């Protein structure tokens, strides 16, 4: 069995290739049938990773494509550590693919060490609407927040500590989900959509999609309000997905009085996830995030 075949079989069976994950996740389709607005059938899901692709911290990554059945994979921490908090994780990939392990399952593994349930969102890619590339992704993310909150009692989660985390295009997805609180990007389908889709906190790592033409100014179509949840952001000054995205968003969060923490590093580039690069302090950001979560009471046991 070749690597790609192994990856796809693993995903279909709900088994992640990150060997250190302790438990098989619970896999749940987020929509009761075909997602709203879907008009086209895609080929089967596939790992588009090539042998010639750049390695991240010496390791390859899963580049999952052709996602038409959005799902969440729920990873619970050890019962003795479980705080009841949870985070929905949106991998990046430019709305073309999902960096499913680098910015998904590996992140769930890290959250589990903090006693937090990690929930990897497999949202639709490639993008459906070239004029609103984030549309399907944000609809899937909004639905996921409502779904997780509706399952809080069943999954022993705190419905008041459901966060969202995203990387790059997934950071755009998570960020817009945190801002479009009264504007679902789809027509409600069932009782799940009667449950709030507002994340209680947001963690955005090298997010895209917020600046205006390379300036540290927020796009006119995006608004921060007093109801926007607290945010933690990380970016590198030399990131080709410009740091102005995080700067523009942070300025608007400050204006609205939203508790926010922003870490900007001089170097780090883009797409490192949590993988440690010894020469780059930026890859210590998970410790800063843990401290932020601790200060906000997100890691307290019930």
Protein backbone atom coordinates (compact mmCIF):
# COMPACT_ATOMS: atom_id res chain seq x y z
CA UNK A 1 0.00 0.00 0.00
CA UNK A 2 1.51 3.38 -1.03
CA UNK A 3 1.49 6.46 1.20
CA UNK A 4 -1.42 8.20 -0.50
CA UNK A 5 -3.56 5.08 -0.35
CA UNK A 6 -2.70 4.64 3.32
CA UNK A 7 -3.58 8.25 4.12
CA UNK A 8 -6.96 8.07 2.40
CA UNK A 9 -7.85 4.73 3.98
CA UNK A 10 -6.85 6.18 7.35
CA UNK A 11 -9.04 9.24 6.87
CA UNK A 12 -12.02 7.17 5.79
CA UNK A 13 -11.62 4.97 8.85
CA UNK A 14 -11.19 7.95 11.16
CA UNK A 15 -7.58 7.03 11.97
CA UNK A 16 -4.99 9.79 11.80
CA UNK A 17 -1.45 9.05 10.66
CA UNK A 18 0.08 11.11 13.48
CA UNK A 19 1.11 8.07 15.49
CA UNK A 20 1.33 9.82 18.83
CA UNK A 21 -2.38 10.65 18.89
CA UNK A 22 -3.68 8.46 21.67
CA UNK A 23 -7.24 7.80 20.57
CA UNK A 24 -9.29 7.32 17.44
CA UNK A 25 -11.44 10.41 16.90
CA UNK A 26 -15.21 10.57 16.66
CA UNK A 27 -16.04 11.48 13.04
CA UNK A 28 -19.25 13.41 12.39
CA UNK A 29 -20.68 14.78 9.14
CA UNK A 30 -21.62 18.38 9.86
CA UNK A 31 -24.57 18.51 7.44
CA UNK A 32 -27.52 16.07 7.38
CA UNK A 33 -27.20 15.76 3.60
CA UNK A 34 -25.55 17.70 0.80
CA UNK A 35 -24.20 21.02 2.13
CA UNK A 36 -26.24 24.13 1.28
CA UNK A 37 -25.37 25.65 -2.06
CA UNK A 38 -23.56 22.62 -3.47
CA UNK A 39 -24.26 22.27 -7.19
CA UNK A 40 -21.30 20.26 -8.41
CA UNK A 41 -19.95 16.80 -7.63
CA UNK A 42 -16.20 16.52 -7.11
CA UNK A 43 -13.93 13.52 -7.63
CA UNK A 44 -13.14 11.49 -4.47
CA UNK A 45 -11.04 13.07 -1.72
CA UNK A 46 -7.34 12.64 -2.34
CA UNK A 47 -4.00 13.50 -0.78
CA UNK A 48 -2.33 15.75 -3.36
CA UNK A 49 1.09 15.67 -1.70
CA UNK A 50 3.98 15.08 -4.11
CA UNK A 51 7.34 13.53 -3.34
CA UNK A 52 8.95 16.75 -4.54
CA UNK A 53 6.99 19.01 -2.16
CA UNK A 54 8.84 21.07 0.41
CA UNK A 55 9.27 19.39 3.77
CA UNK A 56 8.17 21.21 6.94
CA UNK A 57 10.61 20.68 9.82
CA UNK A 58 11.97 17.71 7.87
CA UNK A 59 8.58 16.02 7.45
CA UNK A 60 6.02 15.83 4.69
CA UNK A 61 2.43 16.96 5.12
CA UNK A 62 -0.99 15.78 4.01
CA UNK A 63 -2.52 18.05 1.36
CA UNK A 64 -6.14 16.95 1.31
CA UNK A 65 -8.13 17.93 -1.77
CA UNK A 66 -11.58 17.48 -3.31
CA UNK A 67 -13.46 17.79 -0.01
CA UNK A 68 -17.21 17.76 -0.63
CA UNK A 69 -18.42 16.04 2.57
CA UNK A 70 -17.46 18.36 5.44
CA UNK A 71 -16.75 16.58 8.72
CA UNK A 72 -15.38 17.17 12.17
CA UNK A 73 -12.96 14.79 13.86
CA UNK A 74 -13.31 15.07 17.64
CA UNK A 75 -10.21 14.24 19.70
CA UNK A 76 -10.82 14.04 23.43
CA UNK A 77 -7.99 14.48 25.95
CA UNK A 78 -7.29 11.99 28.70
CA UNK A 79 -10.21 11.99 31.13
CA UNK A 80 -7.97 12.97 34.05
CA UNK A 81 -6.85 16.11 32.14
CA UNK A 82 -10.13 17.08 30.51
CA UNK A 83 -11.02 20.72 31.23
CA UNK A 84 -14.25 20.69 29.22
CA UNK A 85 -12.91 23.38 26.88
CA UNK A 86 -12.79 22.67 23.15
CA UNK A 87 -11.35 24.23 20.00
CA UNK A 88 -12.52 23.77 16.41
CA UNK A 89 -9.41 23.73 14.18
CA UNK A 90 -9.44 25.05 10.61
CA UNK A 91 -6.39 23.93 8.59
CA UNK A 92 -5.00 26.23 5.93
CA UNK A 93 -4.27 25.60 2.28
CA UNK A 94 -5.29 28.67 0.31
CA UNK A 95 -8.86 27.37 -0.06
CA UNK A 96 -7.39 24.85 -2.53
CA UNK A 97 -6.38 22.03 -0.17
CA UNK A 98 -6.25 21.36 3.58
CA UNK A 99 -2.91 20.93 5.37
CA UNK A 100 -4.72 18.28 7.32
CA UNK A 101 -1.99 17.06 9.65
CA UNK A 102 0.33 20.11 9.91
CA UNK A 103 -2.51 22.51 10.76
CA UNK A 104 -5.13 20.02 11.86
CA UNK A 105 -4.48 16.73 13.64
CA UNK A 106 -1.14 17.85 15.08
CA UNK A 107 -2.89 20.88 16.56
CA UNK A 108 -5.59 18.65 18.06
CA UNK A 109 -2.83 16.56 19.64
CA UNK A 110 -1.32 19.67 21.22
CA UNK A 111 -4.67 20.89 22.56
CA UNK A 112 -5.20 17.45 24.09
CA UNK A 113 -2.01 17.91 26.15
CA UNK A 114 -3.65 21.01 27.66
CA UNK A 115 -6.80 19.09 28.55
CA UNK A 116 -8.70 20.66 25.64
CA UNK A 117 -10.80 18.73 23.13
CA UNK A 118 -9.36 19.30 19.64
CA UNK A 119 -11.92 19.21 16.84
CA UNK A 120 -10.46 19.19 13.32
CA UNK A 121 -12.78 20.69 10.71
CA UNK A 122 -12.53 19.21 7.24
CA UNK A 123 -14.20 22.04 5.35
CA UNK A 124 -14.94 22.17 1.64
CA UNK A 125 -12.05 22.70 -0.78
CA UNK A 126 -11.33 23.83 -3.40
CA UNK A 127 -13.33 27.04 -3.08
CA UNK A 128 -16.71 27.09 -4.82
CA UNK A 129 -17.14 30.80 -5.56
CA UNK A 130 -14.14 32.73 -6.96
CA UNK A 131 -15.74 36.00 -5.83
CA UNK A 132 -16.12 34.73 -2.25
CA UNK A 133 -13.45 32.10 -1.86
CA UNK A 134 -14.10 31.74 1.86
CA UNK A 135 -17.87 31.24 1.50
CA UNK A 136 -18.19 27.46 1.76
CA UNK A 137 -15.43 27.27 4.40
CA UNK A 138 -17.10 29.82 6.67
CA UNK A 139 -20.51 28.17 6.24
CA UNK A 140 -18.95 24.86 7.31
CA UNK A 141 -17.21 26.52 10.26
CA UNK A 142 -20.36 28.30 11.45
CA UNK A 143 -22.30 25.07 11.23
CA UNK A 144 -19.54 23.27 13.16
CA UNK A 145 -19.69 25.73 16.06
CA UNK A 146 -23.45 25.24 16.32
CA UNK A 147 -23.10 21.47 16.01
CA UNK A 148 -20.42 21.21 18.70
CA UNK A 149 -22.42 23.41 21.05
CA UNK A 150 -25.53 21.28 20.42
CA UNK A 151 -23.48 18.19 21.38
CA UNK A 152 -21.86 19.77 24.44
CA UNK A 153 -23.73 17.71 27.01
CA UNK A 154 -23.26 14.47 25.06
CA UNK A 155 -19.54 15.08 24.59
CA UNK A 156 -18.94 16.53 28.09
CA UNK A 157 -17.96 19.94 26.77
CA UNK A 158 -18.47 23.36 28.31
CA UNK A 159 -20.83 25.22 25.92
CA UNK A 160 -19.33 28.52 27.13
CA UNK A 161 -15.73 27.55 26.24
CA UNK A 162 -15.91 26.55 22.57
CA UNK A 163 -13.13 28.25 20.63
CA UNK A 164 -12.00 28.30 17.03
CA UNK A 165 -8.46 28.19 15.67
CA UNK A 166 -7.21 28.65 12.13
CA UNK A 167 -4.05 28.86 10.04
CA UNK A 168 -3.62 30.98 6.90
CA UNK A 169 -6.82 30.49 4.83
CA UNK A 170 -8.10 28.57 7.84
CA UNK A 171 -7.26 31.68 9.90
CA UNK A 172 -9.43 33.69 7.54
CA UNK A 173 -12.17 31.08 7.98
CA UNK A 174 -11.89 31.11 11.78
CA UNK A 175 -11.63 34.91 11.90
CA UNK A 176 -14.68 35.52 9.74
CA UNK A 177 -16.64 32.95 11.75
CA UNK A 178 -15.77 35.04 14.81
CA UNK A 179 -16.97 38.24 13.10
CA UNK A 180 -20.06 37.17 11.11
CA UNK A 181 -21.99 36.44 14.30
CA UNK A 182 -25.40 37.50 13.01
CA UNK A 183 -24.83 36.57 9.39
CA UNK A 184 -24.83 32.86 8.67
CA UNK A 185 -23.44 32.15 5.23
CA UNK A 186 -26.14 29.57 4.51
CA UNK A 187 -29.85 28.96 4.90
CA UNK A 188 -30.68 27.20 8.16
CA UNK A 189 -31.37 23.52 7.67
CA UNK A 190 -32.49 22.04 11.02
CA UNK A 191 -32.58 22.54 14.80
CA UNK A 192 -28.77 22.58 15.04
CA UNK A 193 -28.86 25.97 13.33
CA UNK A 194 -30.98 27.35 16.16
CA UNK A 195 -27.92 27.00 18.41
CA UNK A 196 -25.44 29.89 18.56
CA UNK A 197 -22.57 29.79 16.06
CA UNK A 198 -20.47 32.29 18.03
CA UNK A 199 -17.05 31.02 19.14
CA UNK A 200 -16.16 31.96 22.71
CA UNK A 201 -12.54 32.71 21.76
CA UNK A 202 -10.38 32.70 18.64
CA UNK A 203 -6.78 31.72 17.88
CA UNK A 204 -5.53 32.95 14.51
CA UNK A 205 -2.10 31.86 13.27
CA UNK A 206 -0.72 33.71 10.22
CA UNK A 207 -4.29 34.54 9.07
CA UNK A 208 -5.04 35.77 5.55
CA UNK A 209 -7.85 37.83 4.12
CA UNK A 210 -8.14 40.87 6.41
CA UNK A 211 -5.92 43.62 5.00
CA UNK A 212 -6.66 46.08 2.20
CA UNK A 213 -4.23 45.94 -0.74
CA UNK A 214 -1.23 45.18 1.44
CA UNK A 215 -1.94 47.97 3.92
CA UNK A 216 -2.59 47.54 7.63
CA UNK A 217 -6.20 48.57 7.09
CA UNK A 218 -9.19 46.28 7.53
CA UNK A 219 -11.30 45.46 4.50
CA UNK A 220 -14.48 47.52 4.34
CA UNK A 221 -16.66 44.40 4.25
CA UNK A 222 -15.37 43.14 7.61
CA UNK A 223 -16.48 44.70 10.89
CA UNK A 224 -15.45 44.13 14.50
CA UNK A 225 -18.22 44.67 17.06
CA UNK A 226 -18.47 44.64 20.84
CA UNK A 227 -19.69 41.02 20.57
CA UNK A 228 -16.55 39.77 18.82
CA UNK A 229 -14.82 37.12 20.97
CA UNK A 230 -11.32 37.58 22.49
CA UNK A 231 -8.50 36.77 20.08
CA UNK A 232 -4.92 35.53 20.10
CA UNK A 233 -2.87 36.15 16.95
CA UNK A 234 0.58 35.14 15.68
CA UNK A 235 2.42 36.35 12.57
CA UNK A 236 5.95 36.75 11.21
CA UNK A 237 7.24 40.01 9.79
CA UNK A 238 8.67 38.16 6.76
CA UNK A 239 5.51 36.15 6.04
CA UNK A 240 4.55 36.38 2.34
CA UNK A 241 0.94 36.39 3.59
CA UNK A 242 1.58 39.85 4.96
CA UNK A 243 1.62 40.63 8.66
CA UNK A 244 -0.70 43.52 7.80
CA UNK A 245 -3.55 41.01 8.01
CA UNK A 246 -3.00 40.54 11.74
CA UNK A 247 -2.13 44.20 12.31
CA UNK A 248 -5.30 45.47 10.62
CA UNK A 249 -7.50 43.09 12.57
CA UNK A 250 -5.78 43.87 15.87
CA UNK A 251 -6.26 47.62 15.43
CA UNK A 252 -10.00 47.13 14.94
CA UNK A 253 -10.20 44.75 17.89
CA UNK A 254 -8.47 47.38 20.03
CA UNK A 255 -10.92 50.08 18.89
CA UNK A 256 -13.83 47.85 19.89
CA UNK A 257 -12.30 47.02 23.28
CA UNK A 258 -11.97 43.30 22.54
CA UNK A 259 -9.31 41.53 24.68
CA UNK A 260 -6.56 40.69 22.19
CA UNK A 261 -2.98 39.41 22.25
CA UNK A 262 -0.78 39.73 19.15
CA UNK A 263 2.69 38.22 18.74
CA UNK A 264 4.80 39.40 15.80
CA UNK A 265 8.18 37.77 15.19
CA UNK A 266 10.91 39.13 12.93
CA UNK A 267 11.27 35.83 11.04
CA UNK A 268 9.34 32.66 10.49
CA UNK A 269 7.80 32.82 7.07
CA UNK A 270 4.57 30.92 6.54
CA UNK A 271 3.11 27.47 7.07
CA UNK A 272 5.12 26.14 10.01
CA UNK A 273 2.16 25.03 12.13
CA UNK A 274 3.44 23.74 15.46
CA UNK A 275 6.51 22.02 14.07
CA UNK A 276 9.58 23.16 15.96
CA UNK A 277 12.32 24.96 14.05
CA UNK A 278 15.18 25.43 16.49
CA UNK A 279 16.50 28.58 14.84
CA UNK A 280 13.13 30.37 14.82
CA UNK A 281 11.56 31.58 18.09
CA UNK A 282 8.22 31.84 16.27
CA UNK A 283 7.69 28.12 16.72
CA UNK A 284 7.47 28.67 20.48
CA UNK A 285 4.11 30.40 19.94
CA UNK A 286 2.11 27.44 21.39
CA UNK A 287 3.56 28.20 24.84
CA UNK A 288 2.43 31.84 24.56
CA UNK A 289 -0.99 30.64 23.50
CA UNK A 290 -1.19 28.25 26.44
CA UNK A 291 -0.34 31.12 28.81
CA UNK A 292 -3.05 33.27 27.21
CA UNK A 293 -5.63 30.50 27.57
CA UNK A 294 -4.59 29.96 31.18
CA UNK A 295 -4.98 33.66 32.02
CA UNK A 296 -8.44 33.71 30.46
CA UNK A 297 -9.61 30.76 32.54
CA UNK A 298 -9.95 28.50 29.52
CA UNK A 299 -7.87 25.69 31.02
CA UNK A 300 -9.67 25.38 34.34
CA UNK A 301 -11.15 22.02 35.14
CA UNK A 302 -14.90 22.01 35.81
